[in-house]
C-alpha atoms as a PDB file:
ATOM      1  CA  MET A   1      -0.188  -0.102  -0.032  1.00  0.00           C
ATOM      2  CA  ALA A   2       1.299   3.149  -0.926  1.00  0.00           C
ATOM      3  CA  SER A   3       2.091   6.445   1.396  1.00  0.00           C
ATOM      4  CA  ARG A   4      -0.575   8.365   1.328  1.00  0.00           C
ATOM      5  CA  PHE A   5       2.587  11.156   1.457  1.00  0.00           C
ATOM      6  CA  SER A   6       4.390   9.881  -1.903  1.00  0.00           C
ATOM      7  CA  GLN A   7       4.099  11.435  -4.754  1.00  0.00           C
ATOM      8  CA  THR A   8       3.141   9.304  -7.872  1.00  0.00           C
ATOM      9  CA  SER A   9       3.347  12.406 -10.197  1.00  0.00           C
ATOM     10  CA  LYS A  10       6.048  14.840 -11.079  1.00  0.00           C
ATOM     11  CA  GLY A  11       4.289  17.898 -10.681  1.00  0.00           C
ATOM     12  CA  PRO A  12       4.154  20.256  -7.579  1.00  0.00           C
ATOM     13  CA  SER A  13       1.902  19.046  -4.129  1.00  0.00           C
ATOM     14  CA  GLN A  14      -0.948  20.661  -3.557  1.00  0.00           C
ATOM     15  CA  ARG A  15       1.162  22.441  -0.464  1.00  0.00           C
ATOM     16  CA  GLN A  16       3.563  23.542  -2.838  1.00  0.00           C
ATOM     17  CA  LEU A  17       0.895  25.286  -5.168  1.00  0.00           C
ATOM     18  CA  ARG A  18      -1.061  26.911  -2.540  1.00  0.00           C
ATOM     19  CA  ALA A  19       2.280  28.205  -0.959  1.00  0.00           C
ATOM     20  CA  GLY A  20       3.347  29.525  -4.189  1.00  0.00           C
ATOM     21  CA  GLU A  21       0.105  31.541  -5.048  1.00  0.00           C
ATOM     22  CA  LEU A  22       0.163  32.885  -1.220  1.00  0.00           C
ATOM     23  CA  ILE A  23       3.485  34.369  -1.829  1.00  0.00           C
ATOM     24  CA  ARG A  24       2.819  35.175  -4.916  1.00  0.00           C
ATOM     25  CA  HIS A  25       0.054  37.227  -4.097  1.00  0.00           C
ATOM     26  CA  GLU A  26       1.462  38.851  -1.082  1.00  0.00           C
ATOM     27  CA  LEU A  27       4.697  39.990  -2.887  1.00  0.00           C
ATOM     28  CA  ALA A  28       2.641  41.232  -5.577  1.00  0.00           C
ATOM     29  CA  GLN A  29       1.147  43.212  -3.099  1.00  0.00           C
ATOM     30  CA  ALA A  30       4.174  44.449  -0.841  1.00  0.00           C
ATOM     31  CA  LEU A  31       5.711  45.554  -4.093  1.00  0.00           C
ATOM     32  CA  GLN A  32       2.702  47.495  -5.418  1.00  0.00           C
ATOM     33  CA  ARG A  33       2.109  49.356  -2.273  1.00  0.00           C
ATOM     34  CA  GLY A  34       6.041  50.446  -2.030  1.00  0.00           C
ATOM     35  CA  GLU A  35       5.932  48.424   1.298  1.00  0.00           C
ATOM     36  CA  VAL A  36       9.920  47.156   0.415  1.00  0.00           C
ATOM     37  CA  HIS A  37      12.168  50.156   1.613  1.00  0.00           C
ATOM     38  CA  GLU A  38      14.475  49.631  -0.833  1.00  0.00           C
ATOM     39  CA  GLN A  39      16.217  52.610  -2.634  1.00  0.00           C
ATOM     40  CA  THR A  40      17.068  50.618  -5.508  1.00  0.00           C
ATOM     41  CA  LEU A  41      13.783  48.995  -6.091  1.00  0.00           C
ATOM     42  CA  GLU A  42      11.363  52.404  -6.378  1.00  0.00           C
ATOM     43  CA  GLY A  43      10.214  53.102  -9.837  1.00  0.00           C
ATOM     44  CA  LEU A  44      10.163  49.939 -11.289  1.00  0.00           C
ATOM     45  CA  ASN A  45       7.119  48.310 -12.324  1.00  0.00           C
ATOM     46  CA  ILE A  46       7.074  44.638 -11.141  1.00  0.00           C
ATOM     47  CA  THR A  47       4.835  41.741 -12.399  1.00  0.00           C
ATOM     48  CA  VAL A  48       4.780  38.945 -10.157  1.00  0.00           C
ATOM     49  CA  THR A  49       3.913  36.143 -12.559  1.00  0.00           C
ATOM     50  CA  GLU A  50       4.508  32.762 -10.936  1.00  0.00           C
ATOM     51  CA  VAL A  51       6.050  31.184  -7.222  1.00  0.00           C
ATOM     52  CA  GLN A  52       7.566  27.888  -7.455  1.00  0.00           C
ATOM     53  CA  ALA A  53       7.763  26.403  -4.120  1.00  0.00           C
ATOM     54  CA  SER A  54      10.326  23.542  -2.884  1.00  0.00           C
ATOM     55  CA  PRO A  55       8.897  20.404  -1.520  1.00  0.00           C
ATOM     56  CA  ASP A  56      10.286  21.435   1.685  1.00  0.00           C
ATOM     57  CA  LEU A  57       9.016  24.952   1.347  1.00  0.00           C
ATOM     58  CA  LYS A  58      12.645  26.477   2.057  1.00  0.00           C
ATOM     59  CA  HIS A  59      13.140  28.017  -1.311  1.00  0.00           C
ATOM     60  CA  ALA A  60      10.892  29.528  -3.877  1.00  0.00           C
ATOM     61  CA  ASN A  61      11.442  30.713  -7.119  1.00  0.00           C
ATOM     62  CA  VAL A  62       9.941  33.971  -8.187  1.00  0.00           C
ATOM     63  CA  PHE A  63       9.295  34.973 -11.820  1.00  0.00           C
ATOM     64  CA  VAL A  64       8.872  38.261 -12.239  1.00  0.00           C
ATOM     65  CA  THR A  65       8.465  40.677 -15.564  1.00  0.00           C
ATOM     66  CA  THR A  66       8.771  44.388 -16.074  1.00  0.00           C
ATOM     67  CA  LEU A  67       6.121  46.301 -17.806  1.00  0.00           C
ATOM     68  CA  GLY A  68       6.876  46.616 -21.742  1.00  0.00           C
ATOM     69  CA  GLY A  69       9.758  44.025 -20.792  1.00  0.00           C
ATOM     70  CA  ILE A  70      12.003  46.773 -20.040  1.00  0.00           C
ATOM     71  CA  ASP A  71      15.351  45.986 -18.421  1.00  0.00           C
ATOM     72  CA  VAL A  72      14.201  42.788 -16.793  1.00  0.00           C
ATOM     73  CA  ASP A  73      17.436  41.477 -16.125  1.00  0.00           C
ATOM     74  CA  GLY A  74      18.406  44.683 -14.035  1.00  0.00           C
ATOM     75  CA  ALA A  75      15.002  44.527 -12.166  1.00  0.00           C
ATOM     76  CA  VAL A  76      16.167  40.825 -11.235  1.00  0.00           C
ATOM     77  CA  GLU A  77      19.249  41.550  -9.969  1.00  0.00           C
ATOM     78  CA  LYS A  78      17.625  44.620  -7.720  1.00  0.00           C
ATOM     79  CA  LEU A  79      15.251  42.078  -6.692  1.00  0.00           C
ATOM     80  CA  ASN A  80      17.761  39.535  -5.805  1.00  0.00           C
ATOM     81  CA  ALA A  81      19.879  42.364  -3.992  1.00  0.00           C
ATOM     82  CA  ALA A  82      16.626  43.002  -2.018  1.00  0.00           C
ATOM     83  CA  ALA A  83      15.662  39.640  -1.262  1.00  0.00           C
ATOM     84  CA  PRO A  84      16.499  39.808   2.404  1.00  0.00           C
ATOM     85  CA  LYS A  85      14.585  43.207   3.192  1.00  0.00           C
ATOM     86  CA  ILE A  86      11.219  41.608   0.728  1.00  0.00           C
ATOM     87  CA  ARG A  87      11.358  38.314   2.661  1.00  0.00           C
ATOM     88  CA  HIS A  88      11.628  40.592   5.763  1.00  0.00           C
ATOM     89  CA  ALA A  89       8.557  42.062   4.741  1.00  0.00           C
ATOM     90  CA  LEU A  90       6.591  39.708   3.940  1.00  0.00           C
ATOM     91  CA  GLY A  91       7.345  37.608   6.770  1.00  0.00           C
ATOM     92  CA  PRO A  92       4.302  38.878   9.633  1.00  0.00           C
ATOM     93  CA  LYS A  93       2.081  38.482   6.401  1.00  0.00           C
ATOM     94  CA  LEU A  94       2.138  34.759   5.436  1.00  0.00           C
ATOM     95  CA  ALA A  95       0.822  32.498   7.744  1.00  0.00           C
ATOM     96  CA  LEU A  96       3.695  29.648   7.046  1.00  0.00           C
ATOM     97  CA  LYS A  97       6.029  27.920   9.425  1.00  0.00           C
ATOM     98  CA  PHE A  98       8.985  28.625   7.598  1.00  0.00           C
ATOM     99  CA  LEU A  99       9.285  31.968   5.391  1.00  0.00           C
ATOM    100  CA  PRO A 100      11.275  30.485   1.737  1.00  0.00           C
ATOM    101  CA  GLU A 101      14.235  32.044   0.593  1.00  0.00           C
ATOM    102  CA  LEU A 102      13.388  33.871  -2.239  1.00  0.00           C
ATOM    103  CA  ARG A 103      15.031  33.973  -5.477  1.00  0.00           C
ATOM    104  CA  PHE A 104      13.866  36.129  -8.462  1.00  0.00           C
ATOM    105  CA  ARG A 105      13.839  34.577 -11.864  1.00  0.00           C
ATOM    106  CA  LYS A 106      13.594  36.271 -15.648  1.00  0.00           C
ATOM    107  CA  ASP A 107       9.832  35.000 -16.858  1.00  0.00           C
ATOM    108  CA  GLU A 108      10.324  33.903 -20.169  1.00  0.00           C
ATOM    109  CA  SER A 109       7.148  32.316 -20.755  1.00  0.00           C
ATOM    110  CA  PHE A 110       5.845  35.448 -22.645  1.00  0.00           C
ATOM    111  CA  ASP A 111       8.448  35.013 -25.297  1.00  0.00           C
ATOM    112  CA  HIS A 112       7.997  31.336 -25.197  1.00  0.00           C
ATOM    113  CA  ALA A 113       4.193  32.047 -25.992  1.00  0.00           C
ATOM    114  CA  ASP A 114       5.033  34.649 -28.771  1.00  0.00           C
ATOM    115  CA  ARG A 115       7.428  32.798 -30.608  1.00  0.00           C
ATOM    116  CA  ILE A 116       4.473  30.063 -30.847  1.00  0.00           C
ATOM    117  CA  SER A 117       2.197  32.602 -32.128  1.00  0.00           C
ATOM    118  CA  GLU A 118       4.782  33.893 -34.838  1.00  0.00           C
ATOM    119  CA  LEU A 119       4.871  30.007 -35.516  1.00  0.00           C
ATOM    120  CA  LEU A 120       1.562  29.398 -35.663  1.00  0.00           C
ATOM    121  CA  ARG A 121       0.791  32.680 -38.141  1.00  0.00           C
ATOM    122  CA  ASP A 122       3.864  31.325 -40.357  1.00  0.00           C
ATOM    123  CA  PRO A 123       2.380  29.586 -43.706  1.00  0.00           C
ATOM    124  CA  ARG A 124       5.020  27.330 -43.850  1.00  0.00           C
END
């Protein structure tokens, strides 16, 4: 008999999905309202598209993009530098036993979607 805690699929668990969505929602609100007091983040229009939490919820990859896709790499560097302050600002808002270490990544899903659209429109 299989343990109820074993995963038979390769996808994330419900717990990971819930935690990721909770972090995404609170992080987006904190950045929008300017609750993270970091000089380098001022004036950045950041969209948090997805958060993927690790199975133990100790780490989370945060996928972001900027408005218009302008200087996403620079924004990711600034966010990674400010990650401890961002994590500290999120702590009281999240009802998690452990607050994951945040690692910001450029969201390339929009680029992939554009490429697929181009391929589908091509008559060849």
